Amino acid sequence: MKRNLYRILGVFIFFSLFLFQPNYILAQTDQTQRIAEYAEDNQLCFSCHGQANYYYQNDWMGKKVKERMNPYFIVDSVEYYQSNHWKFSCRDCHSADYGEFPHSGQLRMEPKFACLDCHAGDEQYAKFNFEQIEEDFHKSVHSSKHSEDFTCWMCHNPHSYKINARTNENMADFIQYDNEICLTCHADISKYQLLTTMENPNVLVTHNWLPNQVLHFKKVRCIECHTQINDNTLVAHNVRPKEEAIKLCVVCHSKESRLLASLYKYQFTNERSITGFSNEAMLEESYVIGANRNYYLNVISIGLFVLVFLGLCIHAFLRIIIKH
């Protein structure tokens, strides 16, 4: 009897997936088919670059040798097929000469593609305004201080980067993911000093002025306070010098909160909820003092204040009359 119930339940769940999530299933099927087109080709690369160790045949020694892979050249195949660039074969971006092993040392000099090499002038990506993003990036302190040494790939690893701002429904994961992009340099001295010989400042110490520091780090991204917002792009890329960082609490903790134009830019709807709360998109994730106000509570508070004030006035007036 129980076995039949399990079978019925399994059939129900199976058909529910097709009824209620057809787009998801089709998308997954489409992705699997696309991966299959070049999986064998890519696997040749992942057989070495997806492992901590790799083997090769040393013809001089007449035996197979095991070596350690440079950790900076290891690519996680799972992360790659979940990234924005999962549709590509490795050789779409890297020279076909990498098909030969051992690789030629000259291939290390191969120039890397920039974002606009693929995304510029394409109607499919026009809505993301990559040209404006690049323009803002070149105004940023990263570009102005380090010129061509600072590229898109310093922050966005082409083998693992994936969009979060408009796809991740879990705000905490989204915030953590974006902040870790900043911390790959600002909490890693080896990568930080690829661009400078200066000592990497401790972000906890430089932000010790921030009240309830841990909560702020969990609830907002670094770019909320360190960038100039551009209404034409979803994510700001114009990182300003530290002297221009936002340090006024009221900039975020107010009805016209800066967070509406940055962190909640995609989720925000300029409507008041039926319960009277303003900035309801923010309220779904956290309560921001000063930004999440309730119309009815404000009216009640003002009414109580007026009643108390009138009560004091009446009480004082009666005391004066009784005394005389």
C-alpha atoms as a PDB file:
ATOM      1  CA  MET A   1       0.000   0.000   0.000  1.00  0.00           C
ATOM      2  CA  LYS A   2       2.788   2.418   0.985  1.00  0.00           C
ATOM      3  CA  ARG A   3       4.728   1.542  -2.173  1.00  0.00           C
ATOM      4  CA  ASN A   4       1.732   2.484  -4.334  1.00  0.00           C
ATOM      5  CA  LEU A   5       1.332   5.763  -2.465  1.00  0.00           C
ATOM      6  CA  TYR A   6       5.006   6.600  -3.085  1.00  0.00           C
ATOM      7  CA  ARG A   7       4.583   5.826  -6.777  1.00  0.00           C
ATOM      8  CA  ILE A   8       1.504   8.046  -7.042  1.00  0.00           C
ATOM      9  CA  LEU A   9       3.335  10.832  -5.183  1.00  0.00           C
ATOM     10  CA  GLY A  10       6.345  10.475  -7.499  1.00  0.00           C
ATOM     11  CA  VAL A  11       4.177  10.686 -10.610  1.00  0.00           C
ATOM     12  CA  PHE A  12       2.372  13.737  -9.185  1.00  0.00           C
ATOM     13  CA  ILE A  13       5.669  15.536  -8.482  1.00  0.00           C
ATOM     14  CA  PHE A  14       7.011  14.645 -11.923  1.00  0.00           C
ATOM     15  CA  PHE A  15       4.007  16.075 -13.741  1.00  0.00           C
ATOM     16  CA  SER A  16       3.916  19.094 -11.396  1.00  0.00           C
ATOM     17  CA  LEU A  17       7.379  20.039 -12.599  1.00  0.00           C
ATOM     18  CA  PHE A  18       6.156  20.118 -16.171  1.00  0.00           C
ATOM     19  CA  LEU A  19       2.973  21.974 -15.282  1.00  0.00           C
ATOM     20  CA  PHE A  20       4.408  24.614 -12.999  1.00  0.00           C
ATOM     21  CA  GLN A  21       8.078  24.910 -14.031  1.00  0.00           C
ATOM     22  CA  PRO A  22       8.199  24.253 -17.779  1.00  0.00           C
ATOM     23  CA  ASN A  23      10.562  27.156 -18.450  1.00  0.00           C
ATOM     24  CA  TYR A  24      13.013  25.898 -15.845  1.00  0.00           C
ATOM     25  CA  ILE A  25      13.029  22.374 -17.279  1.00  0.00           C
ATOM     26  CA  LEU A  26      13.438  23.610 -20.832  1.00  0.00           C
ATOM     27  CA  ALA A  27      16.255  25.923 -19.741  1.00  0.00           C
ATOM     28  CA  GLN A  28      18.038  23.070 -17.976  1.00  0.00           C
ATOM     29  CA  THR A  29      17.592  20.797 -21.003  1.00  0.00           C
ATOM     30  CA  ASP A  30      18.833  23.518 -23.323  1.00  0.00           C
ATOM     31  CA  GLN A  31      21.887  24.104 -21.151  1.00  0.00           C
ATOM     32  CA  THR A  32      22.688  20.386 -21.036  1.00  0.00           C
ATOM     33  CA  GLN A  33      22.468  20.137 -24.826  1.00  0.00           C
ATOM     34  CA  ARG A  34      24.689  23.171 -25.323  1.00  0.00           C
ATOM     35  CA  ILE A  35      27.291  21.868 -22.883  1.00  0.00           C
ATOM     36  CA  ALA A  36      27.274  18.521 -24.654  1.00  0.00           C
ATOM     37  CA  GLU A  37      28.272  20.218 -27.903  1.00  0.00           C
ATOM     38  CA  TYR A  38      31.721  21.076 -26.585  1.00  0.00           C
ATOM     39  CA  ALA A  39      31.992  19.093 -23.337  1.00  0.00           C
ATOM     40  CA  GLU A  40      34.522  16.690 -24.830  1.00  0.00           C
ATOM     41  CA  ASP A  41      36.666  19.545 -26.139  1.00  0.00           C
ATOM     42  CA  ASN A  42      36.529  21.419 -22.817  1.00  0.00           C
ATOM     43  CA  GLN A  43      37.229  18.252 -20.850  1.00  0.00           C
ATOM     44  CA  LEU A  44      40.676  18.116 -22.441  1.00  0.00           C
ATOM     45  CA  CYS A  45      41.396  21.433 -20.709  1.00  0.00           C
ATOM     46  CA  PHE A  46      39.679  20.504 -17.422  1.00  0.00           C
ATOM     47  CA  SER A  47      41.591  17.229 -17.244  1.00  0.00           C
ATOM     48  CA  CYS A  48      44.587  19.358 -16.228  1.00  0.00           C
ATOM     49  CA  HIS A  49      43.233  22.799 -15.356  1.00  0.00           C
ATOM     50  CA  GLY A  50      40.350  21.394 -13.321  1.00  0.00           C
ATOM     51  CA  GLN A  51      42.611  19.407 -10.999  1.00  0.00           C
ATOM     52  CA  ALA A  52      45.160  20.127  -8.283  1.00  0.00           C
ATOM     53  CA  ASN A  53      47.474  17.599  -9.969  1.00  0.00           C
ATOM     54  CA  TYR A  54      47.886  16.485 -13.550  1.00  0.00           C
ATOM     55  CA  TYR A  55      49.745  13.820 -15.524  1.00  0.00           C
ATOM     56  CA  TYR A  56      51.724  14.002 -18.733  1.00  0.00           C
ATOM     57  CA  GLN A  57      53.935  11.673 -20.696  1.00  0.00           C
ATOM     58  CA  ASN A  58      57.615  12.636 -20.472  1.00  0.00           C
ATOM     59  CA  ASP A  59      59.136  11.155 -23.637  1.00  0.00           C
ATOM     60  CA  TRP A  60      62.698  11.993 -22.550  1.00  0.00           C
ATOM     61  CA  MET A  61      62.304  10.008 -19.336  1.00  0.00           C
ATOM     62  CA  GLY A  62      60.019   7.438 -20.947  1.00  0.00           C
ATOM     63  CA  LYS A  63      57.399   7.556 -18.207  1.00  0.00           C
ATOM     64  CA  LYS A  64      54.238   9.316 -17.059  1.00  0.00           C
ATOM     65  CA  VAL A  65      54.916  12.196 -14.657  1.00  0.00           C
ATOM     66  CA  LYS A  66      52.601  13.702 -12.041  1.00  0.00           C
ATOM     67  CA  GLU A  67      52.857  17.443 -11.398  1.00  0.00           C
ATOM     68  CA  ARG A  68      51.073  20.035  -9.276  1.00  0.00           C
ATOM     69  CA  MET A  69      48.917  22.540 -11.155  1.00  0.00           C
ATOM     70  CA  ASN A  70      49.562  26.219 -10.538  1.00  0.00           C
ATOM     71  CA  PRO A  71      46.602  27.138  -8.245  1.00  0.00           C
ATOM     72  CA  TYR A  72      46.021  30.345 -10.224  1.00  0.00           C
ATOM     73  CA  PHE A  73      45.419  28.262 -13.351  1.00  0.00           C
ATOM     74  CA  ILE A  74      42.861  25.901 -11.807  1.00  0.00           C
ATOM     75  CA  VAL A  75      39.308  26.333 -13.139  1.00  0.00           C
ATOM     76  CA  ASP A  76      36.393  24.668 -11.361  1.00  0.00           C
ATOM     77  CA  SER A  77      34.320  23.073 -14.129  1.00  0.00           C
ATOM     78  CA  VAL A  78      31.152  23.162 -11.997  1.00  0.00           C
ATOM     79  CA  GLU A  79      31.535  26.896 -11.386  1.00  0.00           C
ATOM     80  CA  TYR A  80      32.329  27.445 -15.048  1.00  0.00           C
ATOM     81  CA  TYR A  81      29.141  25.778 -16.285  1.00  0.00           C
ATOM     82  CA  GLN A  82      27.142  27.875 -13.798  1.00  0.00           C
ATOM     83  CA  SER A  83      28.812  31.128 -14.862  1.00  0.00           C
ATOM     84  CA  ASN A  84      27.733  33.713 -17.426  1.00  0.00           C
ATOM     85  CA  HIS A  85      30.118  32.248 -20.008  1.00  0.00           C
ATOM     86  CA  TRP A  86      29.022  28.617 -19.747  1.00  0.00           C
ATOM     87  CA  LYS A  87      27.956  28.583 -23.402  1.00  0.00           C
ATOM     88  CA  PHE A  88      31.514  28.854 -24.689  1.00  0.00           C
ATOM     89  CA  SER A  89      34.236  26.408 -25.545  1.00  0.00           C
ATOM     90  CA  CYS A  90      37.574  27.179 -23.905  1.00  0.00           C
ATOM     91  CA  ARG A  91      39.051  27.806 -27.356  1.00  0.00           C
ATOM     92  CA  ASP A  92      36.447  30.452 -28.133  1.00  0.00           C
ATOM     93  CA  CYS A  93      38.469  32.773 -25.904  1.00  0.00           C
ATOM     94  CA  HIS A  94      41.864  31.084 -25.786  1.00  0.00           C
ATOM     95  CA  SER A  95      44.170  30.327 -28.687  1.00  0.00           C
ATOM     96  CA  ALA A  96      43.583  27.079 -30.582  1.00  0.00           C
ATOM     97  CA  ASP A  97      47.315  26.477 -30.080  1.00  0.00           C
ATOM     98  CA  TYR A  98      46.505  25.427 -26.513  1.00  0.00           C
ATOM     99  CA  GLY A  99      45.326  22.178 -28.064  1.00  0.00           C
ATOM    100  CA  GLU A 100      48.965  21.114 -28.238  1.00  0.00           C
ATOM    101  CA  PHE A 101      50.771  19.926 -25.117  1.00  0.00           C
ATOM    102  CA  PRO A 102      53.151  20.990 -23.749  1.00  0.00           C
ATOM    103  CA  HIS A 103      51.895  24.501 -24.371  1.00  0.00           C
ATOM    104  CA  SER A 104      54.191  27.004 -26.017  1.00  0.00           C
ATOM    105  CA  GLY A 105      55.624  29.528 -23.575  1.00  0.00           C
ATOM    106  CA  GLN A 106      54.663  32.326 -25.962  1.00  0.00           C
ATOM    107  CA  LEU A 107      50.979  31.631 -25.296  1.00  0.00           C
ATOM    108  CA  ARG A 108      51.415  33.293 -21.887  1.00  0.00           C
ATOM    109  CA  MET A 109      51.703  36.564 -23.792  1.00  0.00           C
ATOM    110  CA  GLU A 110      48.282  36.090 -25.397  1.00  0.00           C
ATOM    111  CA  PRO A 111      46.158  39.239 -24.819  1.00  0.00           C
ATOM    112  CA  LYS A 112      42.910  38.793 -22.912  1.00  0.00           C
ATOM    113  CA  PHE A 113      39.588  39.904 -24.293  1.00  0.00           C
ATOM    114  CA  ALA A 114      37.926  42.934 -22.698  1.00  0.00           C
ATOM    115  CA  CYS A 115      34.175  42.970 -22.017  1.00  0.00           C
ATOM    116  CA  LEU A 116      33.394  45.246 -24.956  1.00  0.00           C
ATOM    117  CA  ASP A 117      35.240  42.987 -27.366  1.00  0.00           C
ATOM    118  CA  CYS A 118      32.151  40.784 -27.216  1.00  0.00           C
ATOM    119  CA  HIS A 119      29.416  42.912 -25.664  1.00  0.00           C
ATOM    120  CA  ALA A 120      29.785  46.184 -27.595  1.00  0.00           C
ATOM    121  CA  GLY A 121      27.378  47.005 -30.411  1.00  0.00           C
ATOM    122  CA  ASP A 122      25.249  43.920 -29.841  1.00  0.00           C
ATOM    123  CA  GLU A 123      21.499  44.558 -29.620  1.00  0.00           C
ATOM    124  CA  GLN A 124      21.083  41.514 -27.390  1.00  0.00           C
ATOM    125  CA  TYR A 125      23.171  43.190 -24.676  1.00  0.00           C
ATOM    126  CA  ALA A 126      22.200  46.821 -25.340  1.00  0.00           C
ATOM    127  CA  LYS A 127      19.840  46.906 -22.331  1.00  0.00           C
ATOM    128  CA  PHE A 128      22.786  46.299 -20.000  1.00  0.00           C
ATOM    129  CA  ASN A 129      24.566  49.423 -21.273  1.00  0.00           C
ATOM    130  CA  PHE A 130      28.077  47.977 -21.290  1.00  0.00           C
ATOM    131  CA  GLU A 131      29.444  51.094 -22.990  1.00  0.00           C
ATOM    132  CA  GLN A 132      28.298  53.218 -20.043  1.00  0.00           C
ATOM    133  CA  ILE A 133      29.719  50.698 -17.587  1.00  0.00           C
ATOM    134  CA  GLU A 134      33.121  50.924 -19.274  1.00  0.00           C
ATOM    135  CA  GLU A 135      32.943  54.720 -19.281  1.00  0.00           C
ATOM    136  CA  ASP A 136      32.185  54.750 -15.547  1.00  0.00           C
ATOM    137  CA  PHE A 137      34.936  52.237 -14.888  1.00  0.00           C
ATOM    138  CA  HIS A 138      37.524  54.452 -16.598  1.00  0.00           C
ATOM    139  CA  LYS A 139      36.457  57.311 -14.289  1.00  0.00           C
ATOM    140  CA  SER A 140      36.921  55.100 -11.232  1.00  0.00           C
ATOM    141  CA  VAL A 141      39.880  55.237  -8.867  1.00  0.00           C
ATOM    142  CA  HIS A 142      40.801  51.715  -9.955  1.00  0.00           C
ATOM    143  CA  SER A 143      41.319  52.754 -13.568  1.00  0.00           C
ATOM    144  CA  SER A 144      42.640  56.291 -12.990  1.00  0.00           C
ATOM    145  CA  LYS A 145      45.339  55.054 -10.590  1.00  0.00           C
ATOM    146  CA  HIS A 146      46.343  51.861 -12.360  1.00  0.00           C
ATOM    147  CA  SER A 147      45.452  52.540 -16.005  1.00  0.00           C
ATOM    148  CA  GLU A 148      45.532  49.456 -18.247  1.00  0.00           C
ATOM    149  CA  ASP A 149      46.938  47.266 -15.460  1.00  0.00           C
ATOM    150  CA  PHE A 150      43.480  47.177 -13.895  1.00  0.00           C
ATOM    151  CA  THR A 151      41.103  45.239 -16.120  1.00  0.00           C
ATOM    152  CA  CYS A 152      37.563  43.881 -15.832  1.00  0.00           C
ATOM    153  CA  TRP A 153      39.037  40.494 -14.921  1.00  0.00           C
ATOM    154  CA  MET A 154      40.588  41.871 -11.725  1.00  0.00           C
ATOM    155  CA  CYS A 155      37.067  41.797 -10.262  1.00  0.00           C
ATOM    156  CA  HIS A 156      35.082  39.542 -12.597  1.00  0.00           C
ATOM    157  CA  ASN A 157      36.703  36.148 -13.080  1.00  0.00           C
ATOM    158  CA  PRO A 158      35.597  35.127 -16.605  1.00  0.00           C
ATOM    159  CA  HIS A 159      35.574  31.440 -15.598  1.00  0.00           C
ATOM    160  CA  SER A 160      33.222  31.807 -12.629  1.00  0.00           C
ATOM    161  CA  TYR A 161      31.500  35.211 -12.613  1.00  0.00           C
ATOM    162  CA  LYS A 162      27.718  35.114 -12.734  1.00  0.00           C
ATOM    163  CA  ILE A 163      25.065  37.815 -12.554  1.00  0.00           C
ATOM    164  CA  ASN A 164      23.481  38.216  -9.111  1.00  0.00           C
ATOM    165  CA  ALA A 165      21.833  41.631  -9.020  1.00  0.00           C
ATOM    166  CA  ARG A 166      18.756  40.655 -11.017  1.00  0.00           C
ATOM    167  CA  THR A 167      18.737  36.856 -10.702  1.00  0.00           C
ATOM    168  CA  ASN A 168      19.490  35.964  -7.081  1.00  0.00           C
ATOM    169  CA  GLU A 169      16.354  36.088  -4.935  1.00  0.00           C
ATOM    170  CA  ASN A 170      18.366  35.553  -1.755  1.00  0.00           C
ATOM    171  CA  MET A 171      19.548  39.050  -0.856  1.00  0.00           C
ATOM    172  CA  ALA A 172      22.041  37.823   1.758  1.00  0.00           C
ATOM    173  CA  ASP A 173      23.797  35.577  -0.790  1.00  0.00           C
ATOM    174  CA  PHE A 174      23.736  38.345  -3.375  1.00  0.00           C
ATOM    175  CA  ILE A 175      25.359  40.839  -0.975  1.00  0.00           C
ATOM    176  CA  GLN A 176      27.981  38.319   0.169  1.00  0.00           C
ATOM    177  CA  TYR A 177      28.847  37.393  -3.431  1.00  0.00           C
ATOM    178  CA  ASP A 178      29.369  41.025  -4.459  1.00  0.00           C
ATOM    179  CA  ASN A 179      31.371  41.922  -1.351  1.00  0.00           C
ATOM    180  CA  GLU A 180      33.671  38.941  -1.853  1.00  0.00           C
ATOM    181  CA  ILE A 181      34.565  40.394  -5.258  1.00  0.00           C
ATOM    182  CA  CYS A 182      36.009  43.438  -3.465  1.00  0.00           C
ATOM    183  CA  LEU A 183      37.666  41.307  -0.816  1.00  0.00           C
ATOM    184  CA  THR A 184      39.527  39.184  -3.375  1.00  0.00           C
ATOM    185  CA  CYS A 185      41.944  42.136  -3.489  1.00  0.00           C
ATOM    186  CA  HIS A 186      41.276  44.136  -0.351  1.00  0.00           C
ATOM    187  CA  ALA A 187      41.647  41.084   1.892  1.00  0.00           C
ATOM    188  CA  ASP A 188      44.365  39.334  -0.124  1.00  0.00           C
ATOM    189  CA  ILE A 189      47.815  40.912   0.045  1.00  0.00           C
ATOM    190  CA  SER A 190      49.256  38.820  -2.815  1.00  0.00           C
ATOM    191  CA  LYS A 191      46.645  39.982  -5.329  1.00  0.00           C
ATOM    192  CA  TYR A 192      46.541  43.520  -3.935  1.00  0.00           C
ATOM    193  CA  GLN A 193      50.261  43.959  -4.507  1.00  0.00           C
ATOM    194  CA  LEU A 194      49.998  42.990  -8.170  1.00  0.00           C
ATOM    195  CA  LEU A 195      49.101  46.664  -8.627  1.00  0.00           C
ATOM    196  CA  THR A 196      50.928  48.417  -5.815  1.00  0.00           C
ATOM    197  CA  THR A 197      53.721  47.969  -3.299  1.00  0.00           C
ATOM    198  CA  MET A 198      51.625  49.684  -0.614  1.00  0.00           C
ATOM    199  CA  GLU A 199      50.512  47.725   2.421  1.00  0.00           C
ATOM    200  CA  ASN A 200      46.970  46.394   2.124  1.00  0.00           C
ATOM    201  CA  PRO A 201      44.846  48.198   4.755  1.00  0.00           C
ATOM    202  CA  ASN A 202      42.741  46.107   7.112  1.00  0.00           C
ATOM    203  CA  VAL A 203      39.099  46.718   6.126  1.00  0.00           C
ATOM    204  CA  LEU A 204      37.914  46.108   9.694  1.00  0.00           C
ATOM    205  CA  VAL A 205      40.235  48.810  11.008  1.00  0.00           C
ATOM    206  CA  THR A 206      39.478  51.333   8.259  1.00  0.00           C
ATOM    207  CA  HIS A 207      35.756  50.875   8.918  1.00  0.00           C
ATOM    208  CA  ASN A 208      35.930  50.965  12.718  1.00  0.00           C
ATOM    209  CA  TRP A 209      33.941  54.230  12.677  1.00  0.00           C
ATOM    210  CA  LEU A 210      30.906  52.337  11.344  1.00  0.00           C
ATOM    211  CA  PRO A 211      28.272  51.586  14.019  1.00  0.00           C
ATOM    212  CA  ASN A 212      27.334  47.906  14.260  1.00  0.00           C
ATOM    213  CA  GLN A 213      29.981  47.050  11.698  1.00  0.00           C
ATOM    214  CA  VAL A 214      29.155  43.331  11.328  1.00  0.00           C
ATOM    215  CA  LEU A 215      25.487  44.006  10.556  1.00  0.00           C
ATOM    216  CA  HIS A 216      26.371  46.623   7.936  1.00  0.00           C
ATOM    217  CA  PHE A 217      28.778  44.224   6.212  1.00  0.00           C
ATOM    218  CA  LYS A 218      26.015  41.593   6.048  1.00  0.00           C
ATOM    219  CA  LYS A 219      23.232  43.897   4.846  1.00  0.00           C
ATOM    220  CA  VAL A 220      24.908  46.222   2.320  1.00  0.00           C
ATOM    221  CA  ARG A 221      27.583  45.979  -0.353  1.00  0.00           C
ATOM    222  CA  CYS A 222      30.864  47.884  -0.383  1.00  0.00           C
ATOM    223  CA  ILE A 223      29.769  49.731  -3.541  1.00  0.00           C
ATOM    224  CA  GLU A 224      26.777  51.279  -1.733  1.00  0.00           C
ATOM    225  CA  CYS A 225      29.149  53.733  -0.051  1.00  0.00           C
ATOM    226  CA  HIS A 226      32.166  53.665  -2.364  1.00  0.00           C
ATOM    227  CA  THR A 227      30.709  54.371  -5.807  1.00  0.00           C
ATOM    228  CA  GLN A 228      29.002  57.155  -7.696  1.00  0.00           C
ATOM    229  CA  ILE A 229      25.540  55.968  -8.703  1.00  0.00           C
ATOM    230  CA  ASN A 230      24.562  56.021 -12.362  1.00  0.00           C
ATOM    231  CA  ASP A 231      20.836  55.759 -13.139  1.00  0.00           C
ATOM    232  CA  ASN A 232      21.605  54.208 -16.545  1.00  0.00           C
ATOM    233  CA  THR A 233      23.330  51.113 -15.158  1.00  0.00           C
ATOM    234  CA  LEU A 234      22.129  48.494 -12.702  1.00  0.00           C
ATOM    235  CA  VAL A 235      25.437  48.224 -10.835  1.00  0.00           C
ATOM    236  CA  ALA A 236      27.686  51.243 -10.257  1.00  0.00           C
ATOM    237  CA  HIS A 237      31.288  50.870 -11.473  1.00  0.00           C
ATOM    238  CA  ASN A 238      32.653  54.343 -10.754  1.00  0.00           C
ATOM    239  CA  VAL A 239      34.562  53.624  -7.539  1.00  0.00           C
ATOM    240  CA  ARG A 240      35.501  56.886  -5.852  1.00  0.00           C
ATOM    241  CA  PRO A 241      38.606  57.674  -3.743  1.00  0.00           C
ATOM    242  CA  LYS A 242      38.287  56.790  -0.057  1.00  0.00           C
ATOM    243  CA  GLU A 243      37.958  60.494   0.813  1.00  0.00           C
ATOM    244  CA  GLU A 244      34.670  60.549  -1.099  1.00  0.00           C
ATOM    245  CA  ALA A 245      33.163  57.486   0.596  1.00  0.00           C
ATOM    246  CA  ILE A 246      29.719  57.978   2.159  1.00  0.00           C
ATOM    247  CA  LYS A 247      29.942  58.401   5.927  1.00  0.00           C
ATOM    248  CA  LEU A 248      26.678  60.197   6.726  1.00  0.00           C
ATOM    249  CA  CYS A 249      24.117  57.824   8.247  1.00  0.00           C
ATOM    250  CA  VAL A 250      21.181  59.892   6.976  1.00  0.00           C
ATOM    251  CA  VAL A 251      22.163  59.191   3.340  1.00  0.00           C
ATOM    252  CA  CYS A 252      20.803  55.657   3.760  1.00  0.00           C
ATOM    253  CA  HIS A 253      18.670  56.039   6.892  1.00  0.00           C
ATOM    254  CA  SER A 254      16.035  58.341   5.399  1.00  0.00           C
ATOM    255  CA  LYS A 255      12.883  58.052   3.336  1.00  0.00           C
ATOM    256  CA  GLU A 256      14.873  58.907   0.177  1.00  0.00           C
ATOM    257  CA  SER A 257      17.479  56.296   1.050  1.00  0.00           C
ATOM    258  CA  ARG A 258      20.480  55.911  -1.243  1.00  0.00           C
ATOM    259  CA  LEU A 259      19.895  52.156  -1.060  1.00  0.00           C
ATOM    260  CA  LEU A 260      16.858  52.538  -3.327  1.00  0.00           C
ATOM    261  CA  ALA A 261      19.131  53.671  -6.160  1.00  0.00           C
ATOM    262  CA  SER A 262      21.801  51.036  -5.544  1.00  0.00           C
ATOM    263  CA  LEU A 263      21.185  47.847  -3.550  1.00  0.00           C
ATOM    264  CA  TYR A 264      17.417  47.748  -4.139  1.00  0.00           C
ATOM    265  CA  LYS A 265      17.519  49.280  -7.606  1.00  0.00           C
ATOM    266  CA  TYR A 266      16.214  46.165  -9.309  1.00  0.00           C
ATOM    267  CA  GLN A 267      13.721  45.102  -6.615  1.00  0.00           C
ATOM    268  CA  PHE A 268      12.357  48.529  -5.727  1.00  0.00           C
ATOM    269  CA  THR A 269       8.813  49.462  -6.700  1.00  0.00           C
ATOM    270  CA  ASN A 270       7.752  52.987  -5.929  1.00  0.00           C
ATOM    271  CA  GLU A 271       4.535  51.944  -4.224  1.00  0.00           C
ATOM    272  CA  ARG A 272       3.293  52.053  -0.657  1.00  0.00           C
ATOM    273  CA  SER A 273       2.163  48.719   0.743  1.00  0.00           C
ATOM    274  CA  ILE A 274      -1.391  48.243   1.995  1.00  0.00           C
ATOM    275  CA  THR A 275      -0.032  48.170   5.555  1.00  0.00           C
ATOM    276  CA  GLY A 276       1.244  51.734   5.175  1.00  0.00           C
ATOM    277  CA  PHE A 277       4.986  51.029   4.968  1.00  0.00           C
ATOM    278  CA  SER A 278       7.087  53.059   2.558  1.00  0.00           C
ATOM    279  CA  ASN A 279       9.983  51.458   0.657  1.00  0.00           C
ATOM    280  CA  GLU A 280       8.386  48.039   0.997  1.00  0.00           C
ATOM    281  CA  ALA A 281      11.007  46.360  -1.197  1.00  0.00           C
ATOM    282  CA  MET A 282      13.590  47.113   1.488  1.00  0.00           C
ATOM    283  CA  LEU A 283      11.304  45.928   4.267  1.00  0.00           C
ATOM    284  CA  GLU A 284      11.127  42.458   2.756  1.00  0.00           C
ATOM    285  CA  GLU A 285      14.813  41.991   3.607  1.00  0.00           C
ATOM    286  CA  SER A 286      15.504  44.191   6.615  1.00  0.00           C
ATOM    287  CA  TYR A 287      14.249  47.126   8.638  1.00  0.00           C
ATOM    288  CA  VAL A 288      16.332  50.224   7.908  1.00  0.00           C
ATOM    289  CA  ILE A 289      15.797  52.857  10.582  1.00  0.00           C
ATOM    290  CA  GLY A 290      14.555  56.064   8.994  1.00  0.00           C
ATOM    291  CA  ALA A 291      13.968  54.480   5.581  1.00  0.00           C
ATOM    292  CA  ASN A 292      11.118  52.107   6.453  1.00  0.00           C
ATOM    293  CA  ARG A 293       8.393  54.395   7.739  1.00  0.00           C
ATOM    294  CA  ASN A 294       4.743  53.573   8.328  1.00  0.00           C
ATOM    295  CA  TYR A 295       2.139  56.188   7.450  1.00  0.00           C
ATOM    296  CA  TYR A 296      -0.409  55.020  10.036  1.00  0.00           C
ATOM    297  CA  LEU A 297       2.118  54.781  12.869  1.00  0.00           C
ATOM    298  CA  ASN A 298       3.296  58.303  12.041  1.00  0.00           C
ATOM    299  CA  VAL A 299      -0.293  59.618  12.256  1.00  0.00           C
ATOM    300  CA  ILE A 300      -0.919  57.778  15.512  1.00  0.00           C
ATOM    301  CA  SER A 301       2.369  59.079  16.997  1.00  0.00           C
ATOM    302  CA  ILE A 302       1.533  62.659  16.055  1.00  0.00           C
ATOM    303  CA  GLY A 303      -1.995  62.226  17.446  1.00  0.00           C
ATOM    304  CA  LEU A 304      -0.669  60.897  20.764  1.00  0.00           C
ATOM    305  CA  PHE A 305       1.844  63.748  20.980  1.00  0.00           C
ATOM    306  CA  VAL A 306      -0.920  66.308  20.403  1.00  0.00           C
ATOM    307  CA  LEU A 307      -3.162  64.659  23.016  1.00  0.00           C
ATOM    308  CA  VAL A 308      -0.366  64.597  25.602  1.00  0.00           C
ATOM    309  CA  PHE A 309       0.479  68.226  24.892  1.00  0.00           C
ATOM    310  CA  LEU A 310      -3.179  69.241  25.212  1.00  0.00           C
ATOM    311  CA  GLY A 311      -3.467  67.216  28.411  1.00  0.00           C
ATOM    312  CA  LEU A 312      -0.504  69.060  29.932  1.00  0.00           C
ATOM    313  CA  CYS A 313      -1.938  72.409  28.894  1.00  0.00           C
ATOM    314  CA  ILE A 314      -5.355  71.602  30.362  1.00  0.00           C
ATOM    315  CA  HIS A 315      -3.755  70.272  33.556  1.00  0.00           C
ATOM    316  CA  ALA A 316      -1.662  73.456  33.967  1.00  0.00           C
ATOM    317  CA  PHE A 317      -4.696  75.650  33.244  1.00  0.00           C
ATOM    318  CA  LEU A 318      -6.829  73.848  35.860  1.00  0.00           C
ATOM    319  CA  ARG A 319      -4.027  74.088  38.474  1.00  0.00           C
ATOM    320  CA  ILE A 320      -3.855  77.836  37.918  1.00  0.00           C
ATOM    321  CA  ILE A 321      -7.654  78.235  38.300  1.00  0.00           C
ATOM    322  CA  ILE A 322      -7.844  76.068  41.427  1.00  0.00           C
ATOM    323  CA  LYS A 323      -4.990  77.972  43.097  1.00  0.00           C
ATOM    324  CA  HIS A 324      -6.852  81.219  42.665  1.00  0.00           C
END
